[in-house]
PDB file of all heavy atoms in Angstrom:
ATOM      1  N   LEU A   1       8.090  -6.905   5.024  1.00  0.00           N
ATOM      2  CA  LEU A   1       8.684  -5.571   4.885  1.00  0.00           C
ATOM      3  C   LEU A   1      10.143  -5.651   4.448  1.00  0.00           C
ATOM      4  O   LEU A   1      10.613  -4.832   3.657  1.00  0.00           O
ATOM      5  CB  LEU A   1       8.568  -4.803   6.201  1.00  0.00           C
ATOM      6  CG  LEU A   1       7.157  -4.408   6.633  1.00  0.00           C
ATOM      7  CD1 LEU A   1       7.175  -3.843   8.046  1.00  0.00           C
ATOM      8  CD2 LEU A   1       6.554  -3.395   5.672  1.00  0.00           C
ATOM      9  N   GLU A   2      10.855  -6.643   4.948  1.00  0.00           N
ATOM     10  CA  GLU A   2      12.260  -6.803   4.564  1.00  0.00           C
ATOM     11  C   GLU A   2      12.370  -7.224   3.103  1.00  0.00           C
ATOM     12  O   GLU A   2      13.282  -6.786   2.398  1.00  0.00           O
ATOM     13  CB  GLU A   2      12.949  -7.814   5.475  1.00  0.00           C
ATOM     14  CG  GLU A   2      14.456  -7.857   5.296  1.00  0.00           C
ATOM     15  CD  GLU A   2      15.179  -8.410   6.505  1.00  0.00           C
ATOM     16  OE1 GLU A   2      14.550  -9.087   7.343  1.00  0.00           O
ATOM     17  OE2 GLU A   2      16.398  -8.157   6.625  1.00  0.00           O
ATOM     18  N   SER A   3      11.435  -8.046   2.645  1.00  0.00           N
ATOM     19  CA  SER A   3      11.455  -8.470   1.242  1.00  0.00           C
ATOM     20  C   SER A   3      11.208  -7.298   0.297  1.00  0.00           C
ATOM     21  O   SER A   3      11.613  -7.329  -0.865  1.00  0.00           O
ATOM     22  CB  SER A   3      10.405  -9.557   0.996  1.00  0.00           C
ATOM     23  OG  SER A   3       9.093  -9.020   0.996  1.00  0.00           O
ATOM     24  N   GLU A   4      10.548  -6.262   0.800  1.00  0.00           N
ATOM     25  CA  GLU A   4      10.280  -5.070  -0.006  1.00  0.00           C
ATOM     26  C   GLU A   4      11.336  -3.987   0.198  1.00  0.00           C
ATOM     27  O   GLU A   4      11.222  -2.885  -0.340  1.00  0.00           O
ATOM     28  CB  GLU A   4       8.889  -4.513   0.339  1.00  0.00           C
ATOM     29  CG  GLU A   4       7.769  -5.477  -0.028  1.00  0.00           C
ATOM     30  CD  GLU A   4       6.387  -4.906   0.255  1.00  0.00           C
ATOM     31  OE1 GLU A   4       6.291  -3.685   0.548  1.00  0.00           O
ATOM     32  OE2 GLU A   4       5.409  -5.665   0.189  1.00  0.00           O
ATOM     33  N   GLY A   5      12.366  -4.305   0.994  1.00  0.00           N
ATOM     34  CA  GLY A   5      13.477  -3.370   1.181  1.00  0.00           C
ATOM     35  C   GLY A   5      13.184  -2.231   2.123  1.00  0.00           C
ATOM     36  O   GLY A   5      13.921  -1.239   2.144  1.00  0.00           O
ATOM     37  N   LEU A   6      12.123  -2.346   2.929  1.00  0.00           N
ATOM     38  CA  LEU A   6      11.747  -1.246   3.813  1.00  0.00           C
ATOM     39  C   LEU A   6      12.382  -1.339   5.198  1.00  0.00           C
ATOM     40  O   LEU A   6      12.508  -0.333   5.895  1.00  0.00           O
ATOM     41  CB  LEU A   6      10.226  -1.176   3.948  1.00  0.00           C
ATOM     42  CG  LEU A   6       9.484  -0.836   2.646  1.00  0.00           C
ATOM     43  CD1 LEU A   6       7.980  -0.906   2.861  1.00  0.00           C
ATOM     44  CD2 LEU A   6       9.879   0.539   2.138  1.00  0.00           C
ATOM     45  N   ILE A   7      12.752  -2.550   5.608  1.00  0.00           N
ATOM     46  CA  ILE A   7      13.436  -2.730   6.888  1.00  0.00           C
ATOM     47  C   ILE A   7      14.580  -3.709   6.691  1.00  0.00           C
ATOM     48  O   ILE A   7      14.660  -4.401   5.673  1.00  0.00           O
ATOM     49  CB  ILE A   7      12.496  -3.256   8.006  1.00  0.00           C
ATOM     50  CG1 ILE A   7      12.020  -4.676   7.675  1.00  0.00           C
ATOM     51  CG2 ILE A   7      11.330  -2.312   8.224  1.00  0.00           C
ATOM     52  CD1 ILE A   7      11.246  -5.334   8.811  1.00  0.00           C
ATOM     53  N   GLN A   8      15.466  -3.759   7.682  1.00  0.00           N
ATOM     54  CA  GLN A   8      16.538  -4.753   7.661  1.00  0.00           C
ATOM     55  C   GLN A   8      16.770  -5.257   9.079  1.00  0.00           C
ATOM     56  O   GLN A   8      16.693  -4.500  10.046  1.00  0.00           O
ATOM     57  CB  GLN A   8      17.827  -4.176   7.087  1.00  0.00           C
ATOM     58  CG  GLN A   8      18.358  -2.950   7.801  1.00  0.00           C
ATOM     59  CD  GLN A   8      19.596  -2.384   7.149  1.00  0.00           C
ATOM     60  OE1 GLN A   8      20.008  -2.836   6.078  1.00  0.00           O
ATOM     61  NE2 GLN A   8      20.202  -1.399   7.774  1.00  0.00           N
ATOM     62  N   THR A   9      17.018  -6.547   9.173  1.00  0.00           N
ATOM     63  CA  THR A   9      17.268  -7.164  10.465  1.00  0.00           C
ATOM     64  C   THR A   9      18.761  -7.379  10.635  1.00  0.00           C
ATOM     65  O   THR A   9      19.412  -7.969   9.772  1.00  0.00           O
ATOM     66  CB  THR A   9      16.540  -8.518  10.573  1.00  0.00           C
ATOM     67  OG1 THR A   9      15.130  -8.291  10.433  1.00  0.00           O
ATOM     68  CG2 THR A   9      16.798  -9.165  11.924  1.00  0.00           C
ATOM     69  N   VAL A  10      19.293  -6.873  11.730  1.00  0.00           N
ATOM     70  CA  VAL A  10      20.719  -7.011  12.035  1.00  0.00           C
ATOM     71  C   VAL A  10      20.860  -8.056  13.147  1.00  0.00           C
ATOM     72  O   VAL A  10      20.314  -7.859  14.244  1.00  0.00           O
ATOM     73  CB  VAL A  10      21.325  -5.671  12.498  1.00  0.00           C
ATOM     74  CG1 VAL A  10      22.811  -5.835  12.813  1.00  0.00           C
ATOM     75  CG2 VAL A  10      21.100  -4.589  11.438  1.00  0.00           C
ATOM     76  N   PRO A  11      21.543  -9.170  12.874  1.00  0.00           N
ATOM     77  CA  PRO A  11      21.685 -10.217  13.893  1.00  0.00           C
ATOM     78  C   PRO A  11      22.244  -9.689  15.205  1.00  0.00           C
ATOM     79  O   PRO A  11      23.164  -8.859  15.216  1.00  0.00           O
ATOM     80  CB  PRO A  11      22.664 -11.203  13.229  1.00  0.00           C
ATOM     81  CG  PRO A  11      22.465 -11.000  11.763  1.00  0.00           C
ATOM     82  CD  PRO A  11      22.192  -9.529  11.610  1.00  0.00           C
ATOM     83  N   HIS A  12      21.661 -10.127  16.315  1.00  0.00           N
ATOM     84  CA  HIS A  12      22.089  -9.763  17.665  1.00  0.00           C
ATOM     85  C   HIS A  12      21.942  -8.268  17.961  1.00  0.00           C
ATOM     86  O   HIS A  12      22.527  -7.759  18.911  1.00  0.00           O
ATOM     87  CB  HIS A  12      23.548 -10.176  17.914  1.00  0.00           C
ATOM     88  CG  HIS A  12      23.844 -11.590  17.508  1.00  0.00           C
ATOM     89  ND1 HIS A  12      23.219 -12.679  18.084  1.00  0.00           N
ATOM     90  CD2 HIS A  12      24.668 -12.088  16.561  1.00  0.00           C
ATOM     91  CE1 HIS A  12      23.672 -13.795  17.522  1.00  0.00           C
ATOM     92  NE2 HIS A  12      24.542 -13.458  16.593  1.00  0.00           N
ATOM     93  N   SER A  13      21.191  -7.567  17.106  1.00  0.00           N
ATOM     94  CA  SER A  13      21.008  -6.129  17.327  1.00  0.00           C
ATOM     95  C   SER A  13      19.531  -5.749  17.298  1.00  0.00           C
ATOM     96  O   SER A  13      19.020  -5.172  18.247  1.00  0.00           O
ATOM     97  CB  SER A  13      21.777  -5.316  16.282  1.00  0.00           C
ATOM     98  OG  SER A  13      21.556  -3.936  16.461  1.00  0.00           O
ATOM     99  N   GLY A  14      18.853  -6.048  16.194  1.00  0.00           N
ATOM    100  CA  GLY A  14      17.442  -5.706  16.106  1.00  0.00           C
ATOM    101  C   GLY A  14      17.003  -5.450  14.675  1.00  0.00           C
ATOM    102  O   GLY A  14      17.724  -5.722  13.719  1.00  0.00           O
ATOM    103  N   THR A  15      15.801  -4.917  14.542  1.00  0.00           N
ATOM    104  CA  THR A  15      15.206  -4.622  13.236  1.00  0.00           C
ATOM    105  C   THR A  15      15.108  -3.114  13.072  1.00  0.00           C
ATOM    106  O   THR A  15      14.614  -2.412  13.956  1.00  0.00           O
ATOM    107  CB  THR A  15      13.808  -5.259  13.124  1.00  0.00           C
ATOM    108  OG1 THR A  15      13.917  -6.672  13.304  1.00  0.00           O
ATOM    109  CG2 THR A  15      13.194  -4.972  11.765  1.00  0.00           C
ATOM    110  N   TYR A  16      15.580  -2.628  11.919  1.00  0.00           N
ATOM    111  CA  TYR A  16      15.667  -1.182  11.693  1.00  0.00           C
ATOM    112  C   TYR A  16      15.019  -0.807  10.360  1.00  0.00           C
ATOM    113  O   TYR A  16      15.034  -1.589   9.403  1.00  0.00           O
ATOM    114  CB  TYR A  16      17.138  -0.734  11.670  1.00  0.00           C
ATOM    115  CG  TYR A  16      17.880  -1.031  12.950  1.00  0.00           C
ATOM    116  CD1 TYR A  16      18.462  -2.284  13.165  1.00  0.00           C
ATOM    117  CD2 TYR A  16      17.991  -0.066  13.957  1.00  0.00           C
ATOM    118  CE1 TYR A  16      19.143  -2.568  14.349  1.00  0.00           C
ATOM    119  CE2 TYR A  16      18.666  -0.341  15.129  1.00  0.00           C
ATOM    120  CZ  TYR A  16      19.231  -1.591  15.322  1.00  0.00           C
ATOM    121  OH  TYR A  16      19.893  -1.871  16.498  1.00  0.00           O
ATOM    122  N   VAL A  17      14.494   0.402  10.303  1.00  0.00           N
ATOM    123  CA  VAL A  17      14.006   0.950   9.044  1.00  0.00           C
ATOM    124  C   VAL A  17      15.213   1.160   8.139  1.00  0.00           C
ATOM    125  O   VAL A  17      16.209   1.763   8.542  1.00  0.00           O
ATOM    126  CB  VAL A  17      13.271   2.284   9.267  1.00  0.00           C
ATOM    127  CG1 VAL A  17      12.837   2.891   7.933  1.00  0.00           C
ATOM    128  CG2 VAL A  17      12.063   2.081  10.175  1.00  0.00           C
ATOM    129  N   SER A  18      15.135   0.642   6.934  1.00  0.00           N
ATOM    130  CA  SER A  18      16.289   0.700   6.038  1.00  0.00           C
ATOM    131  C   SER A  18      16.501   2.114   5.495  1.00  0.00           C
ATOM    132  O   SER A  18      15.572   2.913   5.416  1.00  0.00           O
ATOM    133  CB  SER A  18      16.116  -0.281   4.872  1.00  0.00           C
ATOM    134  OG  SER A  18      14.975   0.054   4.118  1.00  0.00           O
ATOM    135  N   THR A  19      17.726   2.401   5.126  1.00  0.00           N
ATOM    136  CA  THR A  19      18.070   3.677   4.503  1.00  0.00           C
ATOM    137  C   THR A  19      18.018   3.516   2.990  1.00  0.00           C
ATOM    138  O   THR A  19      17.988   2.403   2.461  1.00  0.00           O
ATOM    139  CB  THR A  19      19.474   4.133   4.922  1.00  0.00           C
ATOM    140  OG1 THR A  19      20.419   3.115   4.552  1.00  0.00           O
ATOM    141  CG2 THR A  19      19.536   4.352   6.429  1.00  0.00           C
ATOM    142  N   VAL A  20      18.007   4.634   2.274  1.00  0.00           N
ATOM    143  CA  VAL A  20      18.010   4.621   0.813  1.00  0.00           C
ATOM    144  C   VAL A  20      19.204   5.441   0.347  1.00  0.00           C
ATOM    145  O   VAL A  20      19.283   6.635   0.617  1.00  0.00           O
ATOM    146  CB  VAL A  20      16.714   5.212   0.233  1.00  0.00           C
ATOM    147  CG1 VAL A  20      16.721   5.121  -1.289  1.00  0.00           C
ATOM    148  CG2 VAL A  20      15.498   4.477   0.791  1.00  0.00           C
ATOM    149  N   SER A  21      20.133   4.811  -0.340  1.00  0.00           N
ATOM    150  CA  SER A  21      21.330   5.516  -0.808  1.00  0.00           C
ATOM    151  C   SER A  21      21.066   6.183  -2.148  1.00  0.00           C
ATOM    152  O   SER A  21      20.119   5.840  -2.865  1.00  0.00           O
ATOM    153  CB  SER A  21      22.496   4.537  -0.956  1.00  0.00           C
ATOM    154  OG  SER A  21      22.286   3.664  -2.057  1.00  0.00           O
ATOM    155  N   PHE A  22      21.923   7.144  -2.506  1.00  0.00           N
ATOM    156  CA  PHE A  22      21.772   7.826  -3.790  1.00  0.00           C
ATOM    157  C   PHE A  22      21.938   6.834  -4.939  1.00  0.00           C
ATOM    158  O   PHE A  22      21.249   6.922  -5.949  1.00  0.00           O
ATOM    159  CB  PHE A  22      22.806   8.946  -3.916  1.00  0.00           C
ATOM    160  CG  PHE A  22      22.558   9.835  -5.105  1.00  0.00           C
ATOM    161  CD1 PHE A  22      21.602  10.834  -5.048  1.00  0.00           C
ATOM    162  CD2 PHE A  22      23.262   9.662  -6.284  1.00  0.00           C
ATOM    163  CE1 PHE A  22      21.353  11.649  -6.140  1.00  0.00           C
ATOM    164  CE2 PHE A  22      23.024  10.467  -7.378  1.00  0.00           C
ATOM    165  CZ  PHE A  22      22.066  11.472  -7.306  1.00  0.00           C
ATOM    166  N   HIS A  23      22.850   5.864  -4.766  1.00  0.00           N
ATOM    167  CA  HIS A  23      23.052   4.839  -5.804  1.00  0.00           C
ATOM    168  C   HIS A  23      21.779   4.025  -6.005  1.00  0.00           C
ATOM    169  O   HIS A  23      21.372   3.739  -7.137  1.00  0.00           O
ATOM    170  CB  HIS A  23      24.209   3.916  -5.407  1.00  0.00           C
ATOM    171  CG  HIS A  23      24.436   2.777  -6.360  1.00  0.00           C
ATOM    172  ND1 HIS A  23      25.062   2.945  -7.569  1.00  0.00           N
ATOM    173  CD2 HIS A  23      24.100   1.452  -6.286  1.00  0.00           C
ATOM    174  CE1 HIS A  23      25.115   1.776  -8.205  1.00  0.00           C
ATOM    175  NE2 HIS A  23      24.532   0.866  -7.442  1.00  0.00           N
ATOM    176  N   GLU A  24      21.143   3.643  -4.901  1.00  0.00           N
ATOM    177  CA  GLU A  24      19.893   2.888  -4.991  1.00  0.00           C
ATOM    178  C   GLU A  24      18.805   3.709  -5.662  1.00  0.00           C
ATOM    179  O   GLU A  24      18.011   3.196  -6.458  1.00  0.00           O
ATOM    180  CB  GLU A  24      19.442   2.453  -3.597  1.00  0.00           C
ATOM    181  CG  GLU A  24      20.307   1.368  -2.983  1.00  0.00           C
ATOM    182  CD  GLU A  24      19.968   1.126  -1.520  1.00  0.00           C
ATOM    183  OE1 GLU A  24      19.611   2.093  -0.817  1.00  0.00           O
ATOM    184  OE2 GLU A  24      20.055  -0.033  -1.094  1.00  0.00           O
ATOM    185  N   LEU A  25      18.772   4.995  -5.347  1.00  0.00           N
ATOM    186  CA  LEU A  25      17.784   5.868  -5.962  1.00  0.00           C
ATOM    187  C   LEU A  25      17.972   5.957  -7.466  1.00  0.00           C
ATOM    188  O   LEU A  25      17.006   5.936  -8.232  1.00  0.00           O
ATOM    189  CB  LEU A  25      17.868   7.269  -5.355  1.00  0.00           C
ATOM    190  CG  LEU A  25      17.302   7.443  -3.954  1.00  0.00           C
ATOM    191  CD1 LEU A  25      17.596   8.851  -3.464  1.00  0.00           C
ATOM    192  CD2 LEU A  25      15.816   7.174  -3.939  1.00  0.00           C
ATOM    193  N   ARG A  26      19.207   6.048  -7.897  1.00  0.00           N
ATOM    194  CA  ARG A  26      19.484   6.120  -9.334  1.00  0.00           C
ATOM    195  C   ARG A  26      18.953   4.886 -10.043  1.00  0.00           C
ATOM    196  O   ARG A  26      18.273   4.977 -11.079  1.00  0.00           O
ATOM    197  CB  ARG A  26      21.000   6.249  -9.568  1.00  0.00           C
ATOM    198  CG  ARG A  26      21.389   6.434 -11.037  1.00  0.00           C
ATOM    199  CD  ARG A  26      22.859   6.157 -11.235  1.00  0.00           C
ATOM    200  NE  ARG A  26      23.169   4.756 -10.934  1.00  0.00           N
ATOM    201  CZ  ARG A  26      24.415   4.274 -10.856  1.00  0.00           C
ATOM    202  NH1 ARG A  26      25.440   5.075 -11.024  1.00  0.00           N
ATOM    203  NH2 ARG A  26      24.612   3.001 -10.592  1.00  0.00           N
ATOM    204  N   ASP A  27      19.244   3.716  -9.487  1.00  0.00           N
ATOM    205  CA  ASP A  27      18.765   2.475 -10.084  1.00  0.00           C
ATOM    206  C   ASP A  27      17.244   2.413 -10.072  1.00  0.00           C
ATOM    207  O   ASP A  27      16.601   1.992 -11.038  1.00  0.00           O
ATOM    208  CB  ASP A  27      19.322   1.268  -9.320  1.00  0.00           C
ATOM    209  CG  ASP A  27      20.834   1.128  -9.477  1.00  0.00           C
ATOM    210  OD1 ASP A  27      21.411   1.809 -10.354  1.00  0.00           O
ATOM    211  OD2 ASP A  27      21.430   0.343  -8.721  1.00  0.00           O
ATOM    212  N   LEU A  28      16.661   2.842  -8.959  1.00  0.00           N
ATOM    213  CA  LEU A  28      15.212   2.815  -8.797  1.00  0.00           C
ATOM    214  C   LEU A  28      14.531   3.699  -9.841  1.00  0.00           C
ATOM    215  O   LEU A  28      13.556   3.289 -10.475  1.00  0.00           O
ATOM    216  CB  LEU A  28      14.887   3.280  -7.381  1.00  0.00           C
ATOM    217  CG  LEU A  28      13.449   3.309  -6.876  1.00  0.00           C
ATOM    218  CD1 LEU A  28      13.472   3.237  -5.345  1.00  0.00           C
ATOM    219  CD2 LEU A  28      12.725   4.570  -7.308  1.00  0.00           C
ATOM    220  N   PHE A  29      15.053   4.900 -10.023  1.00  0.00           N
ATOM    221  CA  PHE A  29      14.422   5.834 -10.949  1.00  0.00           C
ATOM    222  C   PHE A  29      14.565   5.389 -12.399  1.00  0.00           C
ATOM    223  O   PHE A  29      13.671   5.641 -13.217  1.00  0.00           O
ATOM    224  CB  PHE A  29      15.002   7.233 -10.772  1.00  0.00           C
ATOM    225  CG  PHE A  29      14.517   7.923  -9.534  1.00  0.00           C
ATOM    226  CD1 PHE A  29      15.382   8.633  -8.726  1.00  0.00           C
ATOM    227  CD2 PHE A  29      13.184   7.860  -9.164  1.00  0.00           C
ATOM    228  CE1 PHE A  29      14.939   9.264  -7.588  1.00  0.00           C
ATOM    229  CE2 PHE A  29      12.723   8.493  -8.026  1.00  0.00           C
ATOM    230  CZ  PHE A  29      13.604   9.202  -7.227  1.00  0.00           C
ATOM    231  N   GLU A  30      15.670   4.743 -12.738  1.00  0.00           N
ATOM    232  CA  GLU A  30      15.829   4.242 -14.096  1.00  0.00           C
ATOM    233  C   GLU A  30      14.728   3.244 -14.436  1.00  0.00           C
ATOM    234  O   GLU A  30      14.157   3.276 -15.525  1.00  0.00           O
ATOM    235  CB  GLU A  30      17.203   3.589 -14.259  1.00  0.00           C
ATOM    236  CG  GLU A  30      18.343   4.575 -14.385  1.00  0.00           C
ATOM    237  CD  GLU A  30      19.685   3.893 -14.571  1.00  0.00           C
ATOM    238  OE1 GLU A  30      19.754   2.647 -14.462  1.00  0.00           O
ATOM    239  OE2 GLU A  30      20.668   4.608 -14.836  1.00  0.00           O
ATOM    240  N   VAL A  31      14.437   2.365 -13.488  1.00  0.00           N
ATOM    241  CA  VAL A  31      13.407   1.354 -13.714  1.00  0.00           C
ATOM    242  C   VAL A  31      12.022   1.986 -13.690  1.00  0.00           C
ATOM    243  O   VAL A  31      11.183   1.728 -14.568  1.00  0.00           O
ATOM    244  CB  VAL A  31      13.497   0.233 -12.654  1.00  0.00           C
ATOM    245  CG1 VAL A  31      12.354  -0.764 -12.823  1.00  0.00           C
ATOM    246  CG2 VAL A  31      14.835  -0.483 -12.751  1.00  0.00           C
ATOM    247  N   ARG A  32      11.774   2.818 -12.689  1.00  0.00           N
ATOM    248  CA  ARG A  32      10.433   3.385 -12.528  1.00  0.00           C
ATOM    249  C   ARG A  32      10.061   4.299 -13.691  1.00  0.00           C
ATOM    250  O   ARG A  32       8.903   4.339 -14.116  1.00  0.00           O
ATOM    251  CB  ARG A  32      10.327   4.141 -11.198  1.00  0.00           C
ATOM    252  CG  ARG A  32       8.889   4.499 -10.866  1.00  0.00           C
ATOM    253  CD  ARG A  32       8.723   5.224  -9.553  1.00  0.00           C
ATOM    254  NE  ARG A  32       7.317   5.615  -9.397  1.00  0.00           N
ATOM    255  CZ  ARG A  32       6.906   6.611  -8.650  1.00  0.00           C
ATOM    256  NH1 ARG A  32       7.762   7.330  -7.959  1.00  0.00           N
ATOM    257  NH2 ARG A  32       5.625   6.903  -8.572  1.00  0.00           N
ATOM    258  N   SER A  33      11.030   5.047 -14.215  1.00  0.00           N
ATOM    259  CA  SER A  33      10.743   5.957 -15.324  1.00  0.00           C
ATOM    260  C   SER A  33      10.224   5.195 -16.536  1.00  0.00           C
ATOM    261  O   SER A  33       9.309   5.654 -17.241  1.00  0.00           O
ATOM    262  CB  SER A  33      11.999   6.750 -15.705  1.00  0.00           C
ATOM    263  OG  SER A  33      12.385   7.615 -14.674  1.00  0.00           O
ATOM    264  N   TYR A  34      10.797   4.035 -16.783  1.00  0.00           N
ATOM    265  CA  TYR A  34      10.357   3.214 -17.913  1.00  0.00           C
ATOM    266  C   TYR A  34       8.972   2.626 -17.649  1.00  0.00           C
ATOM    267  O   TYR A  34       8.072   2.693 -18.492  1.00  0.00           O
ATOM    268  CB  TYR A  34      11.358   2.087 -18.169  1.00  0.00           C
ATOM    269  CG  TYR A  34      10.903   1.127 -19.244  1.00  0.00           C
ATOM    270  CD1 TYR A  34      11.029   1.448 -20.590  1.00  0.00           C
ATOM    271  CD2 TYR A  34      10.329  -0.100 -18.904  1.00  0.00           C
ATOM    272  CE1 TYR A  34      10.594   0.567 -21.575  1.00  0.00           C
ATOM    273  CE2 TYR A  34       9.893  -0.978 -19.875  1.00  0.00           C
ATOM    274  CZ  TYR A  34      10.029  -0.640 -21.214  1.00  0.00           C
ATOM    275  OH  TYR A  34       9.586  -1.507 -22.181  1.00  0.00           O
ATOM    276  N   LEU A  35       8.783   2.061 -16.456  1.00  0.00           N
ATOM    277  CA  LEU A  35       7.528   1.391 -16.139  1.00  0.00           C
ATOM    278  C   LEU A  35       6.360   2.364 -16.038  1.00  0.00           C
ATOM    279  O   LEU A  35       5.228   2.041 -16.413  1.00  0.00           O
ATOM    280  CB  LEU A  35       7.665   0.606 -14.828  1.00  0.00           C
ATOM    281  CG  LEU A  35       8.594  -0.602 -14.841  1.00  0.00           C
ATOM    282  CD1 LEU A  35       8.590  -1.302 -13.489  1.00  0.00           C
ATOM    283  CD2 LEU A  35       8.208  -1.582 -15.946  1.00  0.00           C
ATOM    284  N   ILE A  36       6.614   3.576 -15.541  1.00  0.00           N
ATOM    285  CA  ILE A  36       5.521   4.534 -15.381  1.00  0.00           C
ATOM    286  C   ILE A  36       5.023   5.022 -16.739  1.00  0.00           C
ATOM    287  O   ILE A  36       3.825   5.294 -16.922  1.00  0.00           O
ATOM    288  CB  ILE A  36       5.959   5.719 -14.489  1.00  0.00           C
ATOM    289  CG1 ILE A  36       4.741   6.385 -13.868  1.00  0.00           C
ATOM    290  CG2 ILE A  36       6.785   6.742 -15.254  1.00  0.00           C
ATOM    291  CD1 ILE A  36       5.077   7.394 -12.787  1.00  0.00           C
ATOM    292  N   SER A  37       5.915   5.105 -17.715  1.00  0.00           N
ATOM    293  CA  SER A  37       5.508   5.462 -19.070  1.00  0.00           C
ATOM    294  C   SER A  37       4.638   4.353 -19.671  1.00  0.00           C
ATOM    295  O   SER A  37       3.612   4.620 -20.314  1.00  0.00           O
ATOM    296  CB  SER A  37       6.742   5.700 -19.946  1.00  0.00           C
ATOM    297  OG  SER A  37       6.360   5.983 -21.279  1.00  0.00           O
ATOM    298  N   LEU A  38       5.034   3.117 -19.439  1.00  0.00           N
ATOM    299  CA  LEU A  38       4.244   1.972 -19.910  1.00  0.00           C
ATOM    300  C   LEU A  38       2.864   1.975 -19.253  1.00  0.00           C
ATOM    301  O   LEU A  38       1.850   1.715 -19.912  1.00  0.00           O
ATOM    302  CB  LEU A  38       4.977   0.672 -19.580  1.00  0.00           C
ATOM    303  CG  LEU A  38       4.240  -0.640 -19.896  1.00  0.00           C
ATOM    304  CD1 LEU A  38       3.948  -0.751 -21.384  1.00  0.00           C
ATOM    305  CD2 LEU A  38       5.054  -1.842 -19.411  1.00  0.00           C
ATOM    306  N   ALA A  39       2.822   2.304 -17.958  1.00  0.00           N
ATOM    307  CA  ALA A  39       1.548   2.357 -17.243  1.00  0.00           C
ATOM    308  C   ALA A  39       0.616   3.397 -17.865  1.00  0.00           C
ATOM    309  O   ALA A  39      -0.593   3.165 -17.999  1.00  0.00           O
ATOM    310  CB  ALA A  39       1.789   2.677 -15.775  1.00  0.00           C
ATOM    311  N   GLY A  40       1.160   4.543 -18.253  1.00  0.00           N
ATOM    312  CA  GLY A  40       0.349   5.576 -18.885  1.00  0.00           C
ATOM    313  C   GLY A  40      -0.266   5.103 -20.187  1.00  0.00           C
ATOM    314  O   GLY A  40      -1.452   5.347 -20.463  1.00  0.00           O
ATOM    315  N   LYS A  41       0.522   4.406 -20.988  1.00  0.00           N
ATOM    316  CA  LYS A  41       0.027   3.907 -22.278  1.00  0.00           C
ATOM    317  C   LYS A  41      -1.052   2.847 -22.093  1.00  0.00           C
ATOM    318  O   LYS A  41      -2.096   2.879 -22.760  1.00  0.00           O
ATOM    319  CB  LYS A  41       1.197   3.337 -23.086  1.00  0.00           C
ATOM    320  CG  LYS A  41       2.203   4.391 -23.526  1.00  0.00           C
ATOM    321  CD  LYS A  41       3.387   3.759 -24.234  1.00  0.00           C
ATOM    322  CE  LYS A  41       4.421   4.817 -24.626  1.00  0.00           C
ATOM    323  NZ  LYS A  41       5.610   4.213 -25.287  1.00  0.00           N
ATOM    324  N   LEU A  42      -0.815   1.912 -21.174  1.00  0.00           N
ATOM    325  CA  LEU A  42      -1.794   0.848 -20.948  1.00  0.00           C
ATOM    326  C   LEU A  42      -3.069   1.389 -20.316  1.00  0.00           C
ATOM    327  O   LEU A  42      -4.173   0.927 -20.615  1.00  0.00           O
ATOM    328  CB  LEU A  42      -1.187  -0.249 -20.063  1.00  0.00           C
ATOM    329  CG  LEU A  42      -0.077  -1.081 -20.689  1.00  0.00           C
ATOM    330  CD1 LEU A  42       0.459  -2.102 -19.679  1.00  0.00           C
ATOM    331  CD2 LEU A  42      -0.573  -1.798 -21.944  1.00  0.00           C
ATOM    332  N   SER A  43      -2.917   2.375 -19.435  1.00  0.00           N
ATOM    333  CA  SER A  43      -4.087   2.965 -18.796  1.00  0.00           C
ATOM    334  C   SER A  43      -4.970   3.666 -19.823  1.00  0.00           C
ATOM    335  O   SER A  43      -6.205   3.549 -19.780  1.00  0.00           O
ATOM    336  CB  SER A  43      -3.649   3.953 -17.709  1.00  0.00           C
ATOM    337  OG  SER A  43      -4.766   4.557 -17.110  1.00  0.00           O
ATOM    338  N   ALA A  44      -4.368   4.391 -20.741  1.00  0.00           N
ATOM    339  CA  ALA A  44      -5.139   5.077 -21.781  1.00  0.00           C
ATOM    340  C   ALA A  44      -5.932   4.077 -22.619  1.00  0.00           C
ATOM    341  O   ALA A  44      -7.015   4.387 -23.116  1.00  0.00           O
ATOM    342  CB  ALA A  44      -4.204   5.893 -22.673  1.00  0.00           C
ATOM    343  N   ARG A  45      -5.405   2.883 -22.749  1.00  0.00           N
ATOM    344  CA  ARG A  45      -6.054   1.836 -23.538  1.00  0.00           C
ATOM    345  C   ARG A  45      -7.179   1.142 -22.762  1.00  0.00           C
ATOM    346  O   ARG A  45      -8.173   0.709 -23.349  1.00  0.00           O
ATOM    347  CB  ARG A  45      -5.004   0.799 -23.961  1.00  0.00           C
ATOM    348  CG  ARG A  45      -5.461  -0.214 -24.988  1.00  0.00           C
ATOM    349  CD  ARG A  45      -4.355  -1.222 -25.252  1.00  0.00           C
ATOM    350  NE  ARG A  45      -3.081  -0.559 -25.587  1.00  0.00           N
ATOM    351  CZ  ARG A  45      -1.914  -1.203 -25.683  1.00  0.00           C
ATOM    352  NH1 ARG A  45      -1.850  -2.499 -25.416  1.00  0.00           N
ATOM    353  NH2 ARG A  45      -0.822  -0.533 -25.995  1.00  0.00           N
TER     354      ARG A  45
END
């Protein structure tokens, strides 16, 4: 889960569900928008 960015382990504290910042969202959407278009083209094929 940590490798997928869904949780984070804080030393001497515990394991927490990770937060998602607006900056991270911007980067995420830039990548996903491109890949999802590619998925549509390949799926049609």
